[in-house]
Amino acid sequence: MNNLKNFLLSLTLALIITSSAFADVIVNIYGVSEYNCSKDKYRILKKQPMLSFLKTKKWYDREKFHNANYKEALKPYKGLAMSEETLSTLLPTPEVSNEIFNEFIAPVDCENPKDIKF
C-alpha cells in the first residue's frame, strides 16, 4: 500500500513538472494587452481605439491580425465602384500589418520575459 502511494505521488509530481515545462510564456503589456512569446500571438484585454478591429481577449497570430486589420480598413469602401488595383493601394498589406503588430509588442523581451508596467 505504501509503495502504491509513493508511485502515485511520484507520477503526479512528474506530470506536474512535465506539463509546466510546456506552458506558454505570456507577457502582460501595461495591463492593456498580452503577448504569447511561445506562439507569437497578441491579444488586447480592454477595448482600444487604435485597435478597434481586434476583439478583446481573443488571441491573434500575425495572419489573423492582418485579416482583421484589412477587413476593418475595407469597410468604408464596401459597395463603391473601385478596382482591386485601387483598393490595394488604400488597404493595409501584410507587411504594414506586421509593422503594427511589431510596434505593439516592441517592449517585450521574450529572452527575459517580464510583465511590462508603467
Protein backbone atom coordinates (compact mmCIF):
# COMPACT_ATOMS: atom_id res chain seq x y z
CA MET A 1 0.00 0.00 0.00
CA ASN A 2 2.83 2.35 0.87
CA ASN A 3 4.54 1.55 -2.45
CA LEU A 4 1.35 2.42 -4.34
CA LYS A 5 1.10 5.79 -2.57
CA ASN A 6 4.73 6.58 -3.38
CA PHE A 7 4.24 5.54 -7.01
CA LEU A 8 1.12 7.72 -7.41
CA LEU A 9 2.81 10.65 -5.70
CA SER A 10 5.86 10.30 -7.95
CA LEU A 11 3.68 10.02 -11.04
CA THR A 12 1.68 13.12 -10.08
CA LEU A 13 4.85 15.10 -9.40
CA ALA A 14 6.35 14.03 -12.72
CA LEU A 15 3.19 15.07 -14.59
CA ILE A 16 3.15 18.47 -12.91
CA ILE A 17 6.80 19.12 -13.75
CA THR A 18 6.40 17.89 -17.32
CA SER A 19 3.23 19.87 -18.02
CA SER A 20 4.68 23.11 -16.66
CA ALA A 21 7.69 22.74 -18.95
CA PHE A 22 5.36 23.15 -21.93
CA ALA A 23 3.48 26.17 -20.56
CA ASP A 24 3.25 29.22 -22.78
CA VAL A 25 5.28 32.30 -21.91
CA ILE A 26 2.80 35.18 -21.77
CA VAL A 27 3.89 38.75 -21.08
CA ASN A 28 1.42 41.34 -19.87
CA ILE A 29 1.94 44.72 -21.56
CA TYR A 30 0.86 47.68 -19.40
CA GLY A 31 -2.21 45.77 -18.20
CA VAL A 32 -3.84 46.51 -21.57
CA SER A 33 -2.65 43.64 -23.75
CA GLU A 34 -0.69 40.39 -23.69
CA TYR A 35 1.85 38.74 -25.95
CA ASN A 36 2.39 34.99 -26.09
CA CYS A 37 6.12 34.55 -26.75
CA SER A 38 5.72 30.81 -27.29
CA LYS A 39 3.14 31.12 -30.07
CA ASP A 40 3.79 34.67 -31.41
CA LYS A 41 0.22 35.76 -30.63
CA TYR A 42 -1.18 39.03 -29.35
CA ARG A 43 -4.43 39.98 -27.65
CA ILE A 44 -5.97 43.04 -26.09
CA LEU A 45 -7.58 42.86 -22.66
CA LYS A 46 -9.55 46.12 -22.93
CA LYS A 47 -11.06 47.91 -25.93
CA GLN A 48 -8.52 50.19 -27.59
CA PRO A 49 -9.44 52.95 -30.07
CA MET A 50 -6.26 52.33 -32.09
CA LEU A 51 -7.03 48.61 -32.31
CA SER A 52 -10.78 48.78 -32.83
CA PHE A 53 -10.51 45.91 -35.31
CA LEU A 54 -9.47 43.46 -32.57
CA LYS A 55 -11.86 41.69 -30.23
CA THR A 56 -10.94 41.71 -26.57
CA LYS A 57 -9.44 38.58 -25.04
CA LYS A 58 -9.06 36.84 -28.41
CA TRP A 59 -5.60 35.68 -29.49
CA TYR A 60 -4.35 36.89 -32.90
CA ASP A 61 -1.40 35.49 -34.78
CA ARG A 62 0.09 37.69 -37.49
CA GLU A 63 -2.21 36.37 -40.22
CA LYS A 64 -5.40 36.83 -38.19
CA PHE A 65 -4.18 40.27 -37.10
CA HIS A 66 -3.70 41.28 -40.75
CA ASN A 67 -7.08 39.86 -41.80
CA ALA A 68 -8.87 41.78 -39.03
CA ASN A 69 -6.99 44.96 -39.92
CA TYR A 70 -7.74 44.52 -43.63
CA LYS A 71 -11.47 43.86 -43.08
CA GLU A 72 -11.81 46.93 -40.86
CA ALA A 73 -9.98 49.14 -43.37
CA LEU A 74 -12.16 47.80 -46.20
CA LYS A 75 -15.47 48.77 -44.52
CA PRO A 76 -15.61 52.40 -45.75
CA TYR A 77 -15.02 51.25 -49.34
CA LYS A 78 -17.65 48.48 -49.43
CA GLY A 79 -20.09 48.98 -52.29
CA LEU A 80 -18.02 51.64 -54.04
CA ALA A 81 -17.08 51.11 -57.66
CA MET A 82 -13.33 50.72 -57.18
CA SER A 83 -10.93 48.35 -58.87
CA GLU A 84 -8.91 45.83 -56.89
CA GLU A 85 -5.79 47.70 -58.01
CA THR A 86 -7.01 50.97 -56.48
CA LEU A 87 -8.14 49.21 -53.31
CA SER A 88 -4.76 47.54 -52.94
CA THR A 89 -3.12 50.97 -52.72
CA LEU A 90 -5.52 52.07 -49.97
CA LEU A 91 -5.73 48.96 -47.81
CA PRO A 92 -3.03 47.59 -45.48
CA THR A 93 -0.66 44.97 -46.81
CA PRO A 94 0.59 42.07 -44.68
CA GLU A 95 3.86 43.98 -44.25
CA VAL A 96 2.07 47.05 -42.87
CA SER A 97 0.02 44.88 -40.50
CA ASN A 98 3.23 43.16 -39.33
CA GLU A 99 4.79 46.56 -38.63
CA ILE A 100 1.78 47.49 -36.49
CA PHE A 101 1.93 44.10 -34.72
CA ASN A 102 5.66 44.61 -34.06
CA GLU A 103 5.09 48.11 -32.65
CA PHE A 104 2.67 46.81 -30.05
CA ILE A 105 4.98 44.00 -28.92
CA ALA A 106 8.19 46.09 -29.14
CA PRO A 107 8.71 46.39 -25.37
CA VAL A 108 8.54 42.61 -24.90
CA ASP A 109 11.80 40.72 -24.37
CA CYS A 110 11.00 37.03 -24.80
CA GLU A 111 14.52 36.04 -23.75
CA ASN A 112 13.85 37.55 -20.31
CA PRO A 113 10.07 37.66 -20.10
CA LYS A 114 8.75 40.13 -17.55
CA ASP A 115 5.43 41.93 -17.39
CA ILE A 116 5.77 45.47 -18.65
CA LYS A 117 4.37 48.03 -16.25
CA PHE A 118 4.02 51.80 -16.37
